[in-house]
Amino acid sequence: MTKGAFGAVLYYNDKFYYNSGYFIKVVDTVGAGDSFLASLIIRLLRGKSPQKSLNYACAIGALVAGQEGANPDISQKEIKKFMMV
């Protein structure tokens, strides 16, 4: 379940996982939820841990919301740097 600026909660294999969100100046929220969900699903399907998958998905959603348009070009380098902050 996404919680907007307050991150998200994931219930997976009878356990809850939490992410409190990433700070971003919102420019356009179109596509942020879809990007969050797609990132979460693909990471889980690839065998990443639920917590790491949730963290990554929250970062993607925030980065998309911080740019104009539903499909901004975001590199892996940008994602990793953003998650370190």
PDB file of N, CA and C in Angstrom:
ATOM      1  N   MET A   1       0.839  -1.154   0.000  1.00  0.00           N
ATOM      2  CA  MET A   1       0.000   0.000   0.000  1.00  0.00           C
ATOM      3  C   MET A   1       0.896   1.232   0.000  1.00  0.00           C
ATOM      4  N   THR A   2       0.680   2.109  -0.935  1.00  0.00           N
ATOM      5  CA  THR A   2       1.457   3.344  -0.958  1.00  0.00           C
ATOM      6  C   THR A   2       0.805   4.359  -0.026  1.00  0.00           C
ATOM      7  N   LYS A   3       1.662   5.224   0.536  1.00  0.00           N
ATOM      8  CA  LYS A   3       1.196   6.243   1.462  1.00  0.00           C
ATOM      9  C   LYS A   3       1.685   7.625   1.033  1.00  0.00           C
ATOM     10  N   GLY A   4       1.842   7.824  -0.276  1.00  0.00           N
ATOM     11  CA  GLY A   4       2.276   9.120  -0.782  1.00  0.00           C
ATOM     12  C   GLY A   4       3.640   9.523  -0.235  1.00  0.00           C
ATOM     13  N   ALA A   5       3.715  10.727   0.296  1.00  0.00           N
ATOM     14  CA  ALA A   5       4.976  11.254   0.825  1.00  0.00           C
ATOM     15  C   ALA A   5       5.470  10.471   2.037  1.00  0.00           C
ATOM     16  N   PHE A   6       4.613   9.635   2.600  1.00  0.00           N
ATOM     17  CA  PHE A   6       4.976   8.877   3.791  1.00  0.00           C
ATOM     18  C   PHE A   6       5.426   7.451   3.481  1.00  0.00           C
ATOM     19  N   GLY A   7       5.743   7.161   2.227  1.00  0.00           N
ATOM     20  CA  GLY A   7       6.316   5.880   1.852  1.00  0.00           C
ATOM     21  C   GLY A   7       5.300   4.819   1.500  1.00  0.00           C
ATOM     22  N   ALA A   8       5.533   3.606   1.994  1.00  0.00           N
ATOM     23  CA  ALA A   8       4.675   2.482   1.635  1.00  0.00           C
ATOM     24  C   ALA A   8       4.841   1.339   2.641  1.00  0.00           C
ATOM     25  N   VAL A   9       3.853   0.447   2.623  1.00  0.00           N
ATOM     26  CA  VAL A   9       3.870  -0.757   3.439  1.00  0.00           C
ATOM     27  C   VAL A   9       3.659  -1.939   2.497  1.00  0.00           C
ATOM     28  N   LEU A  10       4.420  -2.994   2.701  1.00  0.00           N
ATOM     29  CA  LEU A  10       4.297  -4.210   1.907  1.00  0.00           C
ATOM     30  C   LEU A  10       4.027  -5.378   2.843  1.00  0.00           C
ATOM     31  N   TYR A  11       2.992  -6.148   2.546  1.00  0.00           N
ATOM     32  CA  TYR A  11       2.718  -7.385   3.273  1.00  0.00           C
ATOM     33  C   TYR A  11       3.075  -8.518   2.329  1.00  0.00           C
ATOM     34  N   TYR A  12       4.097  -9.280   2.690  1.00  0.00           N
ATOM     35  CA  TYR A  12       4.641 -10.298   1.795  1.00  0.00           C
ATOM     36  C   TYR A  12       5.045 -11.515   2.622  1.00  0.00           C
ATOM     37  N   ASN A  13       4.531 -12.677   2.259  1.00  0.00           N
ATOM     38  CA  ASN A  13       4.828 -13.923   2.981  1.00  0.00           C
ATOM     39  C   ASN A  13       4.614 -13.779   4.492  1.00  0.00           C
ATOM     40  N   ASP A  14       3.453 -13.269   4.855  1.00  0.00           N
ATOM     41  CA  ASP A  14       3.041 -13.142   6.258  1.00  0.00           C
ATOM     42  C   ASP A  14       3.907 -12.197   7.095  1.00  0.00           C
ATOM     43  N   LYS A  15       4.542 -11.242   6.454  1.00  0.00           N
ATOM     44  CA  LYS A  15       5.367 -10.279   7.170  1.00  0.00           C
ATOM     45  C   LYS A  15       5.169  -8.885   6.568  1.00  0.00           C
ATOM     46  N   PHE A  16       5.214  -7.861   7.429  1.00  0.00           N
ATOM     47  CA  PHE A  16       5.109  -6.484   6.983  1.00  0.00           C
ATOM     48  C   PHE A  16       6.495  -5.876   6.780  1.00  0.00           C
ATOM     49  N   TYR A  17       6.612  -5.063   5.738  1.00  0.00           N
ATOM     50  CA  TYR A  17       7.829  -4.308   5.438  1.00  0.00           C
ATOM     51  C   TYR A  17       7.428  -2.848   5.276  1.00  0.00           C
ATOM     52  N   TYR A  18       8.279  -1.949   5.742  1.00  0.00           N
ATOM     53  CA  TYR A  18       7.949  -0.526   5.745  1.00  0.00           C
ATOM     54  C   TYR A  18       9.053   0.305   5.105  1.00  0.00           C
ATOM     55  N   ASN A  19       8.639   1.385   4.464  1.00  0.00           N
ATOM     56  CA  ASN A  19       9.554   2.416   3.997  1.00  0.00           C
ATOM     57  C   ASN A  19       8.868   3.738   4.294  1.00  0.00           C
ATOM     58  N   SER A  20       9.565   4.655   4.946  1.00  0.00           N
ATOM     59  CA  SER A  20       8.954   5.928   5.351  1.00  0.00           C
ATOM     60  C   SER A  20       8.975   6.988   4.251  1.00  0.00           C
ATOM     61  N   GLY A  21       9.481   6.649   3.085  1.00  0.00           N
ATOM     62  CA  GLY A  21       9.460   7.575   1.947  1.00  0.00           C
ATOM     63  C   GLY A  21      10.773   8.313   1.774  1.00  0.00           C
ATOM     64  N   TYR A  22      10.893   8.954   0.639  1.00  0.00           N
ATOM     65  CA  TYR A  22      12.063   9.754   0.302  1.00  0.00           C
ATOM     66  C   TYR A  22      11.597  11.167   0.018  1.00  0.00           C
ATOM     67  N   PHE A  23      12.341  12.152   0.496  1.00  0.00           N
ATOM     68  CA  PHE A  23      11.962  13.546   0.264  1.00  0.00           C
ATOM     69  C   PHE A  23      12.264  13.936  -1.177  1.00  0.00           C
ATOM     70  N   ILE A  24      11.274  14.529  -1.814  1.00  0.00           N
ATOM     71  CA  ILE A  24      11.422  15.020  -3.188  1.00  0.00           C
ATOM     72  C   ILE A  24      10.484  16.204  -3.370  1.00  0.00           C
ATOM     73  N   LYS A  25      10.903  17.175  -4.123  1.00  0.00           N
ATOM     74  CA  LYS A  25      10.001  18.275  -4.472  1.00  0.00           C
ATOM     75  C   LYS A  25       9.121  17.759  -5.612  1.00  0.00           C
ATOM     76  N   VAL A  26       7.846  17.616  -5.359  1.00  0.00           N
ATOM     77  CA  VAL A  26       6.928  17.040  -6.344  1.00  0.00           C
ATOM     78  C   VAL A  26       6.699  18.013  -7.497  1.00  0.00           C
ATOM     79  N   VAL A  27       6.873  17.484  -8.698  1.00  0.00           N
ATOM     80  CA  VAL A  27       6.644  18.257  -9.924  1.00  0.00           C
ATOM     81  C   VAL A  27       5.410  17.729 -10.640  1.00  0.00           C
ATOM     82  N   ASP A  28       5.285  16.407 -10.740  1.00  0.00           N
ATOM     83  CA  ASP A  28       4.192  15.784 -11.494  1.00  0.00           C
ATOM     84  C   ASP A  28       4.026  14.351 -10.987  1.00  0.00           C
ATOM     85  N   THR A  29       2.878  14.031 -10.425  1.00  0.00           N
ATOM     86  CA  THR A  29       2.681  12.695  -9.853  1.00  0.00           C
ATOM     87  C   THR A  29       2.231  11.650 -10.869  1.00  0.00           C
ATOM     88  N   VAL A  30       1.940  12.067 -12.099  1.00  0.00           N
ATOM     89  CA  VAL A  30       1.484  11.118 -13.120  1.00  0.00           C
ATOM     90  C   VAL A  30       2.584  10.085 -13.375  1.00  0.00           C
ATOM     91  N   GLY A  31       2.242   8.834 -13.217  1.00  0.00           N
ATOM     92  CA  GLY A  31       3.177   7.746 -13.466  1.00  0.00           C
ATOM     93  C   GLY A  31       3.933   7.268 -12.248  1.00  0.00           C
ATOM     94  N   ALA A  32       3.893   8.022 -11.150  1.00  0.00           N
ATOM     95  CA  ALA A  32       4.663   7.640  -9.959  1.00  0.00           C
ATOM     96  C   ALA A  32       4.170   6.323  -9.362  1.00  0.00           C
ATOM     97  N   GLY A  33       2.868   6.160  -9.244  1.00  0.00           N
ATOM     98  CA  GLY A  33       2.311   4.928  -8.689  1.00  0.00           C
ATOM     99  C   GLY A  33       2.564   3.727  -9.577  1.00  0.00           C
ATOM    100  N   ASP A  34       2.399   3.913 -10.870  1.00  0.00           N
ATOM    101  CA  ASP A  34       2.669   2.822 -11.813  1.00  0.00           C
ATOM    102  C   ASP A  34       4.139   2.426 -11.780  1.00  0.00           C
ATOM    103  N   SER A  35       5.009   3.412 -11.704  1.00  0.00           N
ATOM    104  CA  SER A  35       6.447   3.136 -11.648  1.00  0.00           C
ATOM    105  C   SER A  35       6.813   2.423 -10.355  1.00  0.00           C
ATOM    106  N   PHE A  36       6.194   2.848  -9.256  1.00  0.00           N
ATOM    107  CA  PHE A  36       6.403   2.191  -7.969  1.00  0.00           C
ATOM    108  C   PHE A  36       6.028   0.715  -8.071  1.00  0.00           C
ATOM    109  N   LEU A  37       4.830   0.439  -8.541  1.00  0.00           N
ATOM    110  CA  LEU A  37       4.339  -0.933  -8.580  1.00  0.00           C
ATOM    111  C   LEU A  37       5.143  -1.806  -9.544  1.00  0.00           C
ATOM    112  N   ALA A  38       5.454  -1.286 -10.709  1.00  0.00           N
ATOM    113  CA  ALA A  38       6.243  -2.058 -11.675  1.00  0.00           C
ATOM    114  C   ALA A  38       7.623  -2.386 -11.099  1.00  0.00           C
ATOM    115  N   SER A  39       8.250  -1.414 -10.447  1.00  0.00           N
ATOM    116  CA  SER A  39       9.569  -1.639  -9.848  1.00  0.00           C
ATOM    117  C   SER A  39       9.504  -2.667  -8.738  1.00  0.00           C
ATOM    118  N   LEU A  40       8.480  -2.585  -7.908  1.00  0.00           N
ATOM    119  CA  LEU A  40       8.321  -3.529  -6.809  1.00  0.00           C
ATOM    120  C   LEU A  40       8.146  -4.950  -7.335  1.00  0.00           C
ATOM    121  N   ILE A  41       7.260  -5.118  -8.290  1.00  0.00           N
ATOM    122  CA  ILE A  41       6.976  -6.450  -8.829  1.00  0.00           C
ATOM    123  C   ILE A  41       8.203  -7.059  -9.500  1.00  0.00           C
ATOM    124  N   ILE A  42       8.879  -6.305 -10.336  1.00  0.00           N
ATOM    125  CA  ILE A  42      10.021  -6.870 -11.058  1.00  0.00           C
ATOM    126  C   ILE A  42      11.155  -7.233 -10.102  1.00  0.00           C
ATOM    127  N   ARG A  43      11.364  -6.435  -9.077  1.00  0.00           N
ATOM    128  CA  ARG A  43      12.424  -6.745  -8.108  1.00  0.00           C
ATOM    129  C   ARG A  43      12.084  -8.017  -7.326  1.00  0.00           C
ATOM    130  N   LEU A  44      10.826  -8.148  -6.914  1.00  0.00           N
ATOM    131  CA  LEU A  44      10.422  -9.355  -6.196  1.00  0.00           C
ATOM    132  C   LEU A  44      10.532 -10.590  -7.084  1.00  0.00           C
ATOM    133  N   LEU A  45      10.111 -10.460  -8.345  1.00  0.00           N
ATOM    134  CA  LEU A  45      10.200 -11.586  -9.275  1.00  0.00           C
ATOM    135  C   LEU A  45      11.645 -11.993  -9.554  1.00  0.00           C
ATOM    136  N   ARG A  46      12.543 -11.046  -9.445  1.00  0.00           N
ATOM    137  CA  ARG A  46      13.966 -11.333  -9.662  1.00  0.00           C
ATOM    138  C   ARG A  46      14.660 -11.838  -8.398  1.00  0.00           C
ATOM    139  N   GLY A  47      13.889 -12.029  -7.332  1.00  0.00           N
ATOM    140  CA  GLY A  47      14.435 -12.622  -6.124  1.00  0.00           C
ATOM    141  C   GLY A  47      15.082 -11.663  -5.140  1.00  0.00           C
ATOM    142  N   LYS A  48      14.888 -10.373  -5.333  1.00  0.00           N
ATOM    143  CA  LYS A  48      15.431  -9.400  -4.377  1.00  0.00           C
ATOM    144  C   LYS A  48      14.628  -9.492  -3.081  1.00  0.00           C
ATOM    145  N   SER A  49      15.219  -9.097  -1.985  1.00  0.00           N
ATOM    146  CA  SER A  49      14.520  -9.165  -0.705  1.00  0.00           C
ATOM    147  C   SER A  49      13.326  -8.211  -0.725  1.00  0.00           C
ATOM    148  N   PRO A  50      12.272  -8.541   0.019  1.00  0.00           N
ATOM    149  CA  PRO A  50      11.103  -7.656   0.064  1.00  0.00           C
ATOM    150  C   PRO A  50      11.449  -6.239   0.535  1.00  0.00           C
ATOM    151  N   GLN A  51      12.324  -6.112   1.543  1.00  0.00           N
ATOM    152  CA  GLN A  51      12.663  -4.775   2.035  1.00  0.00           C
ATOM    153  C   GLN A  51      13.428  -3.973   0.984  1.00  0.00           C
ATOM    154  N   LYS A  52      14.407  -4.599   0.352  1.00  0.00           N
ATOM    155  CA  LYS A  52      15.170  -3.899  -0.690  1.00  0.00           C
ATOM    156  C   LYS A  52      14.278  -3.560  -1.880  1.00  0.00           C
ATOM    157  N   SER A  53      13.357  -4.443  -2.198  1.00  0.00           N
ATOM    158  CA  SER A  53      12.424  -4.195  -3.305  1.00  0.00           C
ATOM    159  C   SER A  53      11.526  -3.007  -2.989  1.00  0.00           C
ATOM    160  N   LEU A  54      11.021  -2.957  -1.767  1.00  0.00           N
ATOM    161  CA  LEU A  54      10.157  -1.851  -1.355  1.00  0.00           C
ATOM    162  C   LEU A  54      10.921  -0.536  -1.347  1.00  0.00           C
ATOM    163  N   ASN A  55      12.125  -0.543  -0.815  1.00  0.00           N
ATOM    164  CA  ASN A  55      12.943   0.673  -0.784  1.00  0.00           C
ATOM    165  C   ASN A  55      13.193   1.201  -2.194  1.00  0.00           C
ATOM    166  N   TYR A  56      13.535   0.292  -3.090  1.00  0.00           N
ATOM    167  CA  TYR A  56      13.803   0.668  -4.476  1.00  0.00           C
ATOM    168  C   TYR A  56      12.538   1.242  -5.135  1.00  0.00           C
ATOM    169  N   ALA A  57      11.423   0.572  -4.927  1.00  0.00           N
ATOM    170  CA  ALA A  57      10.164   1.022  -5.519  1.00  0.00           C
ATOM    171  C   ALA A  57       9.770   2.410  -5.005  1.00  0.00           C
ATOM    172  N   CYS A  58       9.969   2.652  -3.721  1.00  0.00           N
ATOM    173  CA  CYS A  58       9.660   3.975  -3.163  1.00  0.00           C
ATOM    174  C   CYS A  58      10.563   5.048  -3.769  1.00  0.00           C
ATOM    175  N   ALA A  59      11.822   4.720  -3.970  1.00  0.00           N
ATOM    176  CA  ALA A  59      12.753   5.667  -4.584  1.00  0.00           C
ATOM    177  C   ALA A  59      12.337   5.971  -6.022  1.00  0.00           C
ATOM    178  N   ILE A  60      11.968   4.949  -6.763  1.00  0.00           N
ATOM    179  CA  ILE A  60      11.526   5.153  -8.151  1.00  0.00           C
ATOM    180  C   ILE A  60      10.282   6.037  -8.187  1.00  0.00           C
ATOM    181  N   GLY A  61       9.311   5.739  -7.349  1.00  0.00           N
ATOM    182  CA  GLY A  61       8.093   6.551  -7.308  1.00  0.00           C
ATOM    183  C   GLY A  61       8.389   8.004  -7.002  1.00  0.00           C
ATOM    184  N   ALA A  62       9.282   8.233  -6.047  1.00  0.00           N
ATOM    185  CA  ALA A  62       9.648   9.606  -5.701  1.00  0.00           C
ATOM    186  C   ALA A  62      10.365  10.305  -6.849  1.00  0.00           C
ATOM    187  N   LEU A  63      11.309   9.617  -7.463  1.00  0.00           N
ATOM    188  CA  LEU A  63      12.049  10.228  -8.575  1.00  0.00           C
ATOM    189  C   LEU A  63      11.141  10.556  -9.751  1.00  0.00           C
ATOM    190  N   VAL A  64      10.177   9.706 -10.031  1.00  0.00           N
ATOM    191  CA  VAL A  64       9.230   9.990 -11.113  1.00  0.00           C
ATOM    192  C   VAL A  64       8.386  11.208 -10.749  1.00  0.00           C
ATOM    193  N   ALA A  65       7.931  11.279  -9.500  1.00  0.00           N
ATOM    194  CA  ALA A  65       7.119  12.418  -9.066  1.00  0.00           C
ATOM    195  C   ALA A  65       7.906  13.724  -9.072  1.00  0.00           C
ATOM    196  N   GLY A  66       9.222  13.633  -8.998  1.00  0.00           N
ATOM    197  CA  GLY A  66      10.066  14.815  -8.986  1.00  0.00           C
ATOM    198  C   GLY A  66      10.411  15.363 -10.357  1.00  0.00           C
ATOM    199  N   GLN A  67       9.875  14.722 -11.398  1.00  0.00           N
ATOM    200  CA  GLN A  67      10.143  15.177 -12.760  1.00  0.00           C
ATOM    201  C   GLN A  67       8.832  15.298 -13.525  1.00  0.00           C
ATOM    202  N   GLU A  68       8.873  16.018 -14.607  1.00  0.00           N
ATOM    203  CA  GLU A  68       7.680  16.190 -15.423  1.00  0.00           C
ATOM    204  C   GLU A  68       7.480  14.991 -16.334  1.00  0.00           C
ATOM    205  N   GLY A  69       6.230  14.559 -16.443  1.00  0.00           N
ATOM    206  CA  GLY A  69       5.887  13.469 -17.338  1.00  0.00           C
ATOM    207  C   GLY A  69       5.870  12.131 -16.634  1.00  0.00           C
ATOM    208  N   ALA A  70       5.155  11.180 -17.234  1.00  0.00           N
ATOM    209  CA  ALA A  70       4.954   9.867 -16.628  1.00  0.00           C
ATOM    210  C   ALA A  70       6.144   8.921 -16.802  1.00  0.00           C
ATOM    211  N   ASN A  71       7.016   9.198 -17.753  1.00  0.00           N
ATOM    212  CA  ASN A  71       8.120   8.279 -18.056  1.00  0.00           C
ATOM    213  C   ASN A  71       9.459   8.996 -18.158  1.00  0.00           C
ATOM    214  N   PRO A  72       9.908   9.636 -17.089  1.00  0.00           N
ATOM    215  CA  PRO A  72      11.202  10.311 -17.185  1.00  0.00           C
ATOM    216  C   PRO A  72      12.339   9.294 -17.289  1.00  0.00           C
ATOM    217  N   ASP A  73      13.409   9.707 -17.899  1.00  0.00           N
ATOM    218  CA  ASP A  73      14.587   8.852 -18.058  1.00  0.00           C
ATOM    219  C   ASP A  73      15.419   8.964 -16.781  1.00  0.00           C
ATOM    220  N   ILE A  74      15.496   7.878 -16.020  1.00  0.00           N
ATOM    221  CA  ILE A  74      16.218   7.865 -14.753  1.00  0.00           C
ATOM    222  C   ILE A  74      17.244   6.736 -14.807  1.00  0.00           C
ATOM    223  N   SER A  75      18.495   7.074 -14.605  1.00  0.00           N
ATOM    224  CA  SER A  75      19.552   6.067 -14.680  1.00  0.00           C
ATOM    225  C   SER A  75      19.697   5.323 -13.348  1.00  0.00           C
ATOM    226  N   GLN A  76      20.306   4.145 -13.413  1.00  0.00           N
ATOM    227  CA  GLN A  76      20.581   3.379 -12.198  1.00  0.00           C
ATOM    228  C   GLN A  76      21.497   4.171 -11.258  1.00  0.00           C
ATOM    229  N   LYS A  77      22.414   4.932 -11.842  1.00  0.00           N
ATOM    230  CA  LYS A  77      23.326   5.749 -11.048  1.00  0.00           C
ATOM    231  C   LYS A  77      22.543   6.794 -10.252  1.00  0.00           C
ATOM    232  N   GLU A  78      21.558   7.431 -10.890  1.00  0.00           N
ATOM    233  CA  GLU A  78      20.720   8.421 -10.201  1.00  0.00           C
ATOM    234  C   GLU A  78      19.919   7.783  -9.079  1.00  0.00           C
ATOM    235  N   ILE A  79      19.411   6.601  -9.328  1.00  0.00           N
ATOM    236  CA  ILE A  79      18.598   5.892  -8.326  1.00  0.00           C
ATOM    237  C   ILE A  79      19.451   5.565  -7.109  1.00  0.00           C
ATOM    238  N   LYS A  80      20.620   5.000  -7.324  1.00  0.00           N
ATOM    239  CA  LYS A  80      21.506   4.632  -6.218  1.00  0.00           C
ATOM    240  C   LYS A  80      21.918   5.855  -5.414  1.00  0.00           C
ATOM    241  N   LYS A  81      22.261   6.935  -6.104  1.00  0.00           N
ATOM    242  CA  LYS A  81      22.661   8.170  -5.421  1.00  0.00           C
ATOM    243  C   LYS A  81      21.490   8.717  -4.605  1.00  0.00           C
ATOM    244  N   PHE A  82      20.304   8.710  -5.156  1.00  0.00           N
ATOM    245  CA  PHE A  82      19.117   9.213  -4.468  1.00  0.00           C
ATOM    246  C   PHE A  82      18.825   8.391  -3.205  1.00  0.00           C
ATOM    247  N   MET A  83      19.000   7.091  -3.297  1.00  0.00           N
ATOM    248  CA  MET A  83      18.712   6.218  -2.160  1.00  0.00           C
ATOM    249  C   MET A  83      19.739   6.364  -1.047  1.00  0.00           C
ATOM    250  N   MET A  84      20.911   6.889  -1.349  1.00  0.00           N
ATOM    251  CA  MET A  84      21.957   7.088  -0.341  1.00  0.00           C
ATOM    252  C   MET A  84      21.710   8.304   0.524  1.00  0.00           C
ATOM    253  N   VAL A  85      20.917   9.231   0.047  1.00  0.00           N
ATOM    254  CA  VAL A  85      20.673  10.499   0.757  1.00  0.00           C
ATOM    255  C   VAL A  85      19.856  10.276   1.989  1.00  0.00           C
TER     256      VAL A  85
END
